[in-house]
C-alpha cells in the first residue's frame, strides 16, 4: 500500500487520507465565535455615545458660527449703507449752501435790475440755479413748497411769527419761507426756515 502524504487544505487543516470507499471528503473548519464580554459591550456603547455627543457639539458650533457670519454680513451691509447715506447727505448739504448764495444773489439782482448788465447777470444766476436744482434732482433732492401749508415741526423751522389777521391766514399756517427746505425722497435733508402765522 502506498503511503499518503497529508497536505493542508485551503483552511489550513490537513486533508484526510483517501479511503477505499470513495473520493475523499473535504474537512471544513468550524467558525469560532469571538467571545465578547459585557464590559466590552458597555465600553463600546460609551464610546459610541461619546462620539455622538461630540458630533452634536460640533454641529451646534457650526450652526452658531454660520449664524454669526450671517449676522456679521447683515451688520456690515447696514453700516456701509448708513456710511454712504451720511456721506451723501453731507455732500448734498454743501451743495445747498451754494444754492442759498445763488438765491440771495438773484434776489439782490432782481431789486437792482435797472440796466442790461444787471439783467444779464440775473439771467446767468437763474440758469445756474436751475442747473444745480436739476443736478440735485438726479439724487432725489427736491425743494419743499411750505408756503400756505400747515406748520409741520418735522419739516419746518419757525424763525419768526406774524399775526394771523395781518397775514390773512389761519393761525399755524406758514406765511413765508426765509430759507428753502429740501427733501431726499420723503426724508428731510434740511428743514425749511419759515415765518408762521400766530
Protein backbone atom coordinates (compact mmCIF):
# COMPACT_ATOMS: atom_id res chain seq x y z
CA UNK A 1 0.00 0.00 0.00
CA UNK A 2 1.33 3.41 -0.99
CA UNK A 3 1.93 5.92 1.69
CA UNK A 4 -0.25 9.07 1.58
CA UNK A 5 1.27 12.43 2.42
CA UNK A 6 -1.08 14.76 4.32
CA UNK A 7 -1.32 18.21 2.77
CA UNK A 8 -3.12 21.15 4.29
CA UNK A 9 -6.31 22.24 2.55
CA UNK A 10 -7.38 25.85 1.90
CA UNK A 11 -8.41 26.31 5.54
CA UNK A 12 -5.08 25.15 6.86
CA UNK A 13 -6.40 21.78 8.12
CA UNK A 14 -4.75 18.58 6.81
CA UNK A 15 -6.78 16.66 4.28
CA UNK A 16 -7.56 13.09 5.41
CA UNK A 17 -6.06 10.15 3.60
CA UNK A 18 -8.38 8.74 0.95
CA UNK A 19 -10.19 5.62 1.93
CA UNK A 20 -11.02 2.82 -0.34
CA UNK A 21 -14.76 3.57 -0.13
CA UNK A 22 -14.85 6.58 -2.43
CA UNK A 23 -13.48 10.03 -3.02
CA UNK A 24 -12.00 11.95 -0.16
CA UNK A 25 -14.41 14.34 1.66
CA UNK A 26 -13.02 17.82 2.44
CA UNK A 27 -12.94 18.87 6.04
CA UNK A 28 -14.36 22.37 6.75
CA UNK A 29 -13.23 24.47 9.71
CA UNK A 30 -15.98 25.46 12.11
CA UNK A 31 -16.20 29.27 12.61
CA UNK A 32 -15.16 30.27 16.08
CA UNK A 33 -17.36 32.91 17.71
CA UNK A 34 -15.32 35.61 19.42
CA UNK A 35 -16.22 35.90 22.99
CA UNK A 36 -17.25 39.49 23.89
CA UNK A 37 -17.73 40.29 27.49
CA UNK A 38 -20.42 42.54 28.85
CA UNK A 39 -17.73 45.03 29.87
CA UNK A 40 -16.52 45.30 26.26
CA UNK A 41 -20.06 45.92 25.05
CA UNK A 42 -20.58 48.60 27.68
CA UNK A 43 -17.29 50.23 26.83
CA UNK A 44 -18.15 50.29 23.12
CA UNK A 45 -21.56 51.79 23.87
CA UNK A 46 -19.94 54.50 25.97
CA UNK A 47 -17.50 55.31 23.16
CA UNK A 48 -20.34 55.50 20.61
CA UNK A 49 -22.27 57.83 22.93
CA UNK A 50 -19.20 59.99 23.48
CA UNK A 51 -18.61 60.30 19.72
CA UNK A 52 -22.31 61.06 19.15
CA UNK A 53 -22.23 63.85 21.73
CA UNK A 54 -19.03 65.24 20.23
CA UNK A 55 -20.59 65.23 16.75
CA UNK A 56 -23.66 67.02 18.15
CA UNK A 57 -21.45 69.67 19.80
CA UNK A 58 -19.52 70.19 16.56
CA UNK A 59 -22.79 70.55 14.63
CA UNK A 60 -24.14 73.12 17.10
CA UNK A 61 -20.87 75.07 16.93
CA UNK A 62 -21.10 75.06 13.14
CA UNK A 63 -24.70 76.34 13.25
CA UNK A 64 -23.72 79.12 15.69
CA UNK A 65 -20.72 80.10 13.55
CA UNK A 66 -22.89 80.18 10.41
CA UNK A 67 -25.48 82.36 12.19
CA UNK A 68 -22.76 84.71 13.47
CA UNK A 69 -21.35 85.05 9.95
CA UNK A 70 -24.79 85.84 8.53
CA UNK A 71 -25.40 88.45 11.25
CA UNK A 72 -22.00 89.99 10.58
CA UNK A 73 -22.76 90.24 6.86
CA UNK A 74 -26.06 92.00 7.58
CA UNK A 75 -24.41 94.36 10.08
CA UNK A 76 -21.59 95.20 7.66
CA UNK A 77 -24.08 95.85 4.84
CA UNK A 78 -26.19 98.10 7.10
CA UNK A 79 -23.13 100.03 8.31
CA UNK A 80 -21.94 100.52 4.74
CA UNK A 81 -25.37 101.74 3.69
CA UNK A 82 -25.51 104.17 6.62
CA UNK A 83 -21.99 105.47 5.85
CA UNK A 84 -22.94 106.06 2.21
CA UNK A 85 -26.13 107.84 3.29
CA UNK A 86 -24.21 110.07 5.74
CA UNK A 87 -21.63 110.96 3.09
CA UNK A 88 -24.35 111.66 0.56
CA UNK A 89 -26.23 113.93 2.97
CA UNK A 90 -23.05 115.84 3.86
CA UNK A 91 -22.23 116.37 0.19
CA UNK A 92 -25.77 117.48 -0.64
CA UNK A 93 -25.79 119.84 2.33
CA UNK A 94 -22.69 121.56 0.95
CA UNK A 95 -24.41 121.98 -2.40
CA UNK A 96 -27.39 123.55 -0.66
CA UNK A 97 -25.17 126.33 0.68
CA UNK A 98 -24.24 127.12 -2.94
CA UNK A 99 -27.95 127.26 -3.78
CA UNK A 100 -28.57 129.60 -0.86
CA UNK A 101 -25.94 132.02 -2.14
CA UNK A 102 -27.38 131.86 -5.65
CA UNK A 103 -30.86 132.63 -4.35
CA UNK A 104 -29.54 135.61 -2.37
CA UNK A 105 -27.74 136.91 -5.46
CA UNK A 106 -30.91 136.50 -7.56
CA UNK A 107 -32.99 138.41 -5.01
CA UNK A 108 -30.40 141.20 -4.89
CA UNK A 109 -30.20 141.41 -8.69
CA UNK A 110 -33.99 141.41 -9.01
CA UNK A 111 -34.11 144.51 -6.81
CA UNK A 112 -31.45 146.28 -8.84
CA UNK A 113 -32.14 145.33 -12.47
CA UNK A 114 -32.21 148.81 -13.92
CA UNK A 115 -29.78 148.18 -16.73
CA UNK A 116 -28.90 145.47 -19.24
CA UNK A 117 -25.74 144.36 -17.41
CA UNK A 118 -27.59 143.54 -14.23
CA UNK A 119 -30.33 141.81 -16.27
CA UNK A 120 -27.69 139.61 -17.95
CA UNK A 121 -26.11 138.70 -14.61
CA UNK A 122 -29.54 137.90 -13.20
CA UNK A 123 -30.33 135.57 -16.12
CA UNK A 124 -26.98 133.81 -15.65
CA UNK A 125 -27.69 133.33 -11.95
CA UNK A 126 -31.14 131.90 -12.70
CA UNK A 127 -29.67 129.48 -15.23
CA UNK A 128 -27.04 128.31 -12.74
CA UNK A 129 -29.68 127.93 -10.05
CA UNK A 130 -31.89 125.81 -12.35
CA UNK A 131 -28.89 123.69 -13.35
CA UNK A 132 -27.93 122.93 -9.74
CA UNK A 133 -31.54 122.01 -8.91
CA UNK A 134 -31.65 119.68 -11.92
CA UNK A 135 -28.41 118.00 -10.85
CA UNK A 136 -29.72 117.59 -7.30
CA UNK A 137 -32.92 116.02 -8.61
CA UNK A 138 -30.79 113.19 -10.02
CA UNK A 139 -30.02 112.31 -6.38
CA UNK A 140 -33.70 112.52 -5.41
CA UNK A 141 -33.37 116.00 -3.88
CA UNK A 142 -36.30 118.36 -4.32
CA UNK A 143 -37.27 121.65 -2.67
CA UNK A 144 -40.20 121.86 -0.26
CA UNK A 145 -43.16 124.08 -1.02
CA UNK A 146 -44.24 125.03 2.51
CA UNK A 147 -45.82 128.45 1.90
CA UNK A 148 -49.56 128.33 2.62
CA UNK A 149 -49.40 124.90 4.30
CA UNK A 150 -49.78 123.96 7.96
CA UNK A 151 -46.63 124.34 10.03
CA UNK A 152 -45.01 120.91 10.45
CA UNK A 153 -42.20 120.81 13.04
CA UNK A 154 -40.78 117.70 11.36
CA UNK A 155 -40.24 119.69 8.13
CA UNK A 156 -40.22 123.34 9.13
CA UNK A 157 -38.22 125.51 11.50
CA UNK A 158 -40.09 128.60 12.70
CA UNK A 159 -37.82 131.64 12.78
CA UNK A 160 -40.50 134.32 13.12
CA UNK A 161 -44.19 134.59 13.88
CA UNK A 162 -46.58 137.09 12.35
CA UNK A 163 -50.18 137.97 13.37
CA UNK A 164 -52.64 135.75 11.51
CA UNK A 165 -55.01 138.71 10.96
CA UNK A 166 -52.32 140.71 9.17
CA UNK A 167 -51.33 137.75 7.03
CA UNK A 168 -54.95 136.91 6.29
CA UNK A 169 -54.47 133.21 7.05
CA UNK A 170 -55.38 130.71 9.76
CA UNK A 171 -53.06 130.51 12.79
CA UNK A 172 -50.38 127.85 12.37
CA UNK A 173 -50.06 128.49 8.63
CA UNK A 174 -46.66 129.03 7.01
CA UNK A 175 -46.72 132.60 5.69
CA UNK A 176 -43.30 132.95 4.10
CA UNK A 177 -40.10 130.98 3.51
CA UNK A 178 -36.89 132.53 4.84
CA UNK A 179 -34.62 129.68 3.73
CA UNK A 180 -35.68 126.90 1.39
CA UNK A 181 -36.01 123.37 2.80
CA UNK A 182 -35.20 120.20 0.84
CA UNK A 183 -36.22 116.56 0.82
CA UNK A 184 -34.32 113.47 -0.27
CA UNK A 185 -37.12 111.17 -1.32
CA UNK A 186 -39.50 111.58 1.61
CA UNK A 187 -36.75 112.24 4.15
CA UNK A 188 -35.95 115.79 5.29
CA UNK A 189 -32.49 116.80 4.12
CA UNK A 190 -32.83 120.28 5.57
CA UNK A 191 -35.93 121.80 7.19
CA UNK A 192 -37.37 124.96 5.71
CA UNK A 193 -36.89 128.07 7.84
CA UNK A 194 -40.26 129.81 7.79
CA UNK A 195 -42.46 132.59 9.18
CA UNK A 196 -45.58 131.24 10.82
CA UNK A 197 -48.96 132.92 11.47
CA UNK A 198 -49.95 133.09 15.14
